[in-house]
């Protein structure tokens, strides 16, 4: 698979490997033509987000082993569908987003400004945060 880009224009970084996330279960929010759900937003799951998603019919907490899905718990980094993330944001339950690990295709559903409002990326030099 060719190098894919994140929403910041850089190379897409890993989202999470514990549990292993991504449409392709490669730890990244890579996407391709077979990813009809656009699983491109690298989110840090919160209890509020998981509950909101369950109420909307997207139960992420329950494992489905036959699909390699271990279930998502609060604190897990998980590639979520961009439309589902936007839905959660509209409901006031958007989880934090790792921009460097969020695929540029997420911008088809969510403006960068909305993602930035929930960003949890740590810059290479965190001294600037002081």
C-alpha atoms as a PDB file:
ATOM      1  CA  UNK A   1       0.000   0.000   0.000  1.00  0.00           C
ATOM      2  CA  UNK A   2       1.387   3.423  -0.942  1.00  0.00           C
ATOM      3  CA  UNK A   3       2.123   5.945   1.789  1.00  0.00           C
ATOM      4  CA  UNK A   4      -1.090   7.582   2.870  1.00  0.00           C
ATOM      5  CA  UNK A   5      -1.437  11.150   4.161  1.00  0.00           C
ATOM      6  CA  UNK A   6      -2.926  12.544   7.345  1.00  0.00           C
ATOM      7  CA  UNK A   7      -5.196  15.583   7.707  1.00  0.00           C
ATOM      8  CA  UNK A   8      -2.125  17.761   8.371  1.00  0.00           C
ATOM      9  CA  UNK A   9      -0.556  16.799   5.030  1.00  0.00           C
ATOM     10  CA  UNK A  10       2.139  14.556   6.500  1.00  0.00           C
ATOM     11  CA  UNK A  11       2.623  10.813   6.362  1.00  0.00           C
ATOM     12  CA  UNK A  12      -0.123   8.922   8.169  1.00  0.00           C
ATOM     13  CA  UNK A  13       1.043   7.726  11.601  1.00  0.00           C
ATOM     14  CA  UNK A  14      -0.087   4.631  13.497  1.00  0.00           C
ATOM     15  CA  UNK A  15      -3.313   4.970  15.464  1.00  0.00           C
ATOM     16  CA  UNK A  16      -3.173   1.958  17.762  1.00  0.00           C
ATOM     17  CA  UNK A  17      -2.094  -1.630  18.159  1.00  0.00           C
ATOM     18  CA  UNK A  18      -3.639  -2.524  21.536  1.00  0.00           C
ATOM     19  CA  UNK A  19      -6.238  -3.310  20.348  1.00  0.00           C
ATOM     20  CA  UNK A  20      -5.162  -3.425  16.716  1.00  0.00           C
ATOM     21  CA  UNK A  21      -7.267  -0.898  14.867  1.00  0.00           C
ATOM     22  CA  UNK A  22      -7.905   0.180  11.293  1.00  0.00           C
ATOM     23  CA  UNK A  23     -10.148  -1.061   8.531  1.00  0.00           C
ATOM     24  CA  UNK A  24      -7.274  -3.340   7.465  1.00  0.00           C
ATOM     25  CA  UNK A  25      -6.363  -4.181  11.099  1.00  0.00           C
ATOM     26  CA  UNK A  26      -2.858  -2.804  10.531  1.00  0.00           C
ATOM     27  CA  UNK A  27      -2.855  -0.247  13.363  1.00  0.00           C
ATOM     28  CA  UNK A  28      -3.407   2.676  10.981  1.00  0.00           C
ATOM     29  CA  UNK A  29      -6.471   4.514   9.697  1.00  0.00           C
ATOM     30  CA  UNK A  30      -5.519   3.524   6.142  1.00  0.00           C
ATOM     31  CA  UNK A  31      -8.372   3.454   3.689  1.00  0.00           C
ATOM     32  CA  UNK A  32      -9.136   2.211   0.217  1.00  0.00           C
ATOM     33  CA  UNK A  33     -12.042   1.598  -2.131  1.00  0.00           C
ATOM     34  CA  UNK A  34     -13.357  -1.318  -0.061  1.00  0.00           C
ATOM     35  CA  UNK A  35     -13.611   0.867   3.090  1.00  0.00           C
ATOM     36  CA  UNK A  36     -17.139   2.073   2.453  1.00  0.00           C
ATOM     37  CA  UNK A  37     -17.440   3.328   6.049  1.00  0.00           C
ATOM     38  CA  UNK A  38     -14.453   5.708   5.755  1.00  0.00           C
ATOM     39  CA  UNK A  39     -12.782   4.453   8.976  1.00  0.00           C
ATOM     40  CA  UNK A  40     -10.319   7.330   8.959  1.00  0.00           C
ATOM     41  CA  UNK A  41     -10.556   9.284  12.243  1.00  0.00           C
ATOM     42  CA  UNK A  42      -8.070   8.186  14.898  1.00  0.00           C
ATOM     43  CA  UNK A  43     -10.076   8.752  18.064  1.00  0.00           C
ATOM     44  CA  UNK A  44      -9.275   8.167  21.716  1.00  0.00           C
ATOM     45  CA  UNK A  45     -12.423   6.459  22.950  1.00  0.00           C
ATOM     46  CA  UNK A  46     -14.248   7.920  25.918  1.00  0.00           C
ATOM     47  CA  UNK A  47     -17.077   6.349  27.923  1.00  0.00           C
ATOM     48  CA  UNK A  48     -19.354   9.157  26.744  1.00  0.00           C
ATOM     49  CA  UNK A  49     -18.513   8.509  23.071  1.00  0.00           C
ATOM     50  CA  UNK A  50     -18.973   4.736  23.410  1.00  0.00           C
ATOM     51  CA  UNK A  51     -22.344   5.222  25.106  1.00  0.00           C
ATOM     52  CA  UNK A  52     -23.482   7.721  22.455  1.00  0.00           C
ATOM     53  CA  UNK A  53     -22.461   5.336  19.697  1.00  0.00           C
ATOM     54  CA  UNK A  54     -24.298   2.432  21.357  1.00  0.00           C
ATOM     55  CA  UNK A  55     -27.460   4.567  21.575  1.00  0.00           C
ATOM     56  CA  UNK A  56     -27.168   5.306  17.842  1.00  0.00           C
ATOM     57  CA  UNK A  57     -26.818   1.597  16.961  1.00  0.00           C
ATOM     58  CA  UNK A  58     -23.018   1.371  16.710  1.00  0.00           C
ATOM     59  CA  UNK A  59     -22.054  -0.813  19.686  1.00  0.00           C
ATOM     60  CA  UNK A  60     -18.256  -0.699  19.821  1.00  0.00           C
ATOM     61  CA  UNK A  61     -17.766  -2.135  23.324  1.00  0.00           C
ATOM     62  CA  UNK A  62     -18.737  -5.735  22.500  1.00  0.00           C
ATOM     63  CA  UNK A  63     -16.069  -7.994  20.932  1.00  0.00           C
ATOM     64  CA  UNK A  64     -16.834  -9.673  17.603  1.00  0.00           C
ATOM     65  CA  UNK A  65     -13.943 -12.158  17.273  1.00  0.00           C
ATOM     66  CA  UNK A  66     -14.948 -13.509  13.845  1.00  0.00           C
ATOM     67  CA  UNK A  67     -14.164 -10.037  12.425  1.00  0.00           C
ATOM     68  CA  UNK A  68     -10.985  -9.562  14.457  1.00  0.00           C
ATOM     69  CA  UNK A  69     -12.780  -7.011  16.631  1.00  0.00           C
ATOM     70  CA  UNK A  70     -11.778  -7.072  20.296  1.00  0.00           C
ATOM     71  CA  UNK A  71     -14.208  -4.361  21.386  1.00  0.00           C
ATOM     72  CA  UNK A  72     -13.272  -0.816  22.330  1.00  0.00           C
ATOM     73  CA  UNK A  73     -12.792   0.495  25.870  1.00  0.00           C
ATOM     74  CA  UNK A  74     -12.317   4.035  27.153  1.00  0.00           C
ATOM     75  CA  UNK A  75      -8.740   5.125  26.464  1.00  0.00           C
ATOM     76  CA  UNK A  76      -8.315   2.900  23.405  1.00  0.00           C
ATOM     77  CA  UNK A  77      -7.202   4.582  20.196  1.00  0.00           C
ATOM     78  CA  UNK A  78      -9.538   3.443  17.433  1.00  0.00           C
ATOM     79  CA  UNK A  79     -10.132   4.301  13.764  1.00  0.00           C
ATOM     80  CA  UNK A  80     -13.753   5.386  13.626  1.00  0.00           C
ATOM     81  CA  UNK A  81     -15.940   6.222  10.648  1.00  0.00           C
ATOM     82  CA  UNK A  82     -15.691   9.916   9.887  1.00  0.00           C
ATOM     83  CA  UNK A  83     -19.487  10.234   9.672  1.00  0.00           C
ATOM     84  CA  UNK A  84     -19.864   8.505  13.070  1.00  0.00           C
ATOM     85  CA  UNK A  85     -17.307  10.884  14.605  1.00  0.00           C
ATOM     86  CA  UNK A  86     -19.208  13.854  13.141  1.00  0.00           C
ATOM     87  CA  UNK A  87     -22.455  12.402  14.524  1.00  0.00           C
ATOM     88  CA  UNK A  88     -20.878  12.176  17.981  1.00  0.00           C
ATOM     89  CA  UNK A  89     -19.580  15.736  17.683  1.00  0.00           C
ATOM     90  CA  UNK A  90     -23.043  16.966  16.734  1.00  0.00           C
ATOM     91  CA  UNK A  91     -24.370  15.183  19.858  1.00  0.00           C
ATOM     92  CA  UNK A  92     -21.713  16.779  22.097  1.00  0.00           C
ATOM     93  CA  UNK A  93     -19.888  13.469  22.642  1.00  0.00           C
ATOM     94  CA  UNK A  94     -16.949  13.685  20.228  1.00  0.00           C
ATOM     95  CA  UNK A  95     -13.881  11.824  21.442  1.00  0.00           C
ATOM     96  CA  UNK A  96     -10.392  13.345  21.228  1.00  0.00           C
ATOM     97  CA  UNK A  97      -8.656  13.002  17.845  1.00  0.00           C
ATOM     98  CA  UNK A  98      -5.038  12.187  16.983  1.00  0.00           C
ATOM     99  CA  UNK A  99      -4.581  14.367  13.896  1.00  0.00           C
ATOM    100  CA  UNK A 100      -1.274  12.846  12.773  1.00  0.00           C
ATOM    101  CA  UNK A 101      -2.981   9.432  12.671  1.00  0.00           C
ATOM    102  CA  UNK A 102      -6.236  10.656  11.068  1.00  0.00           C
ATOM    103  CA  UNK A 103      -6.381   9.978   7.332  1.00  0.00           C
ATOM    104  CA  UNK A 104      -6.905  12.932   4.976  1.00  0.00           C
ATOM    105  CA  UNK A 105     -10.038  11.235   3.618  1.00  0.00           C
ATOM    106  CA  UNK A 106     -11.760  12.123   6.919  1.00  0.00           C
ATOM    107  CA  UNK A 107     -11.963  15.663   5.528  1.00  0.00           C
ATOM    108  CA  UNK A 108     -14.639  14.419   3.108  1.00  0.00           C
ATOM    109  CA  UNK A 109     -16.973  14.251   6.135  1.00  0.00           C
ATOM    110  CA  UNK A 110     -15.506  16.562   8.784  1.00  0.00           C
ATOM    111  CA  UNK A 111     -13.865  19.980   8.382  1.00  0.00           C
ATOM    112  CA  UNK A 112     -10.319  20.193   9.729  1.00  0.00           C
ATOM    113  CA  UNK A 113     -11.375  22.971  12.123  1.00  0.00           C
ATOM    114  CA  UNK A 114     -13.796  20.599  13.885  1.00  0.00           C
ATOM    115  CA  UNK A 115     -11.124  17.925  14.198  1.00  0.00           C
ATOM    116  CA  UNK A 116      -8.606  20.470  15.527  1.00  0.00           C
ATOM    117  CA  UNK A 117     -11.047  21.463  18.288  1.00  0.00           C
ATOM    118  CA  UNK A 118     -10.689  17.916  19.661  1.00  0.00           C
ATOM    119  CA  UNK A 119      -7.008  17.312  18.864  1.00  0.00           C
ATOM    120  CA  UNK A 120      -4.791  15.575  21.418  1.00  0.00           C
ATOM    121  CA  UNK A 121      -1.591  15.393  19.369  1.00  0.00           C
ATOM    122  CA  UNK A 122       1.600  16.156  21.234  1.00  0.00           C
ATOM    123  CA  UNK A 123       4.114  18.187  19.204  1.00  0.00           C
ATOM    124  CA  UNK A 124       7.693  16.958  18.734  1.00  0.00           C
ATOM    125  CA  UNK A 125       8.780  19.724  21.149  1.00  0.00           C
ATOM    126  CA  UNK A 126       6.189  19.714  23.954  1.00  0.00           C
ATOM    127  CA  UNK A 127       8.093  22.555  25.661  1.00  0.00           C
ATOM    128  CA  UNK A 128       5.968  24.939  23.606  1.00  0.00           C
ATOM    129  CA  UNK A 129       2.917  23.825  25.588  1.00  0.00           C
ATOM    130  CA  UNK A 130       4.251  25.356  28.829  1.00  0.00           C
END
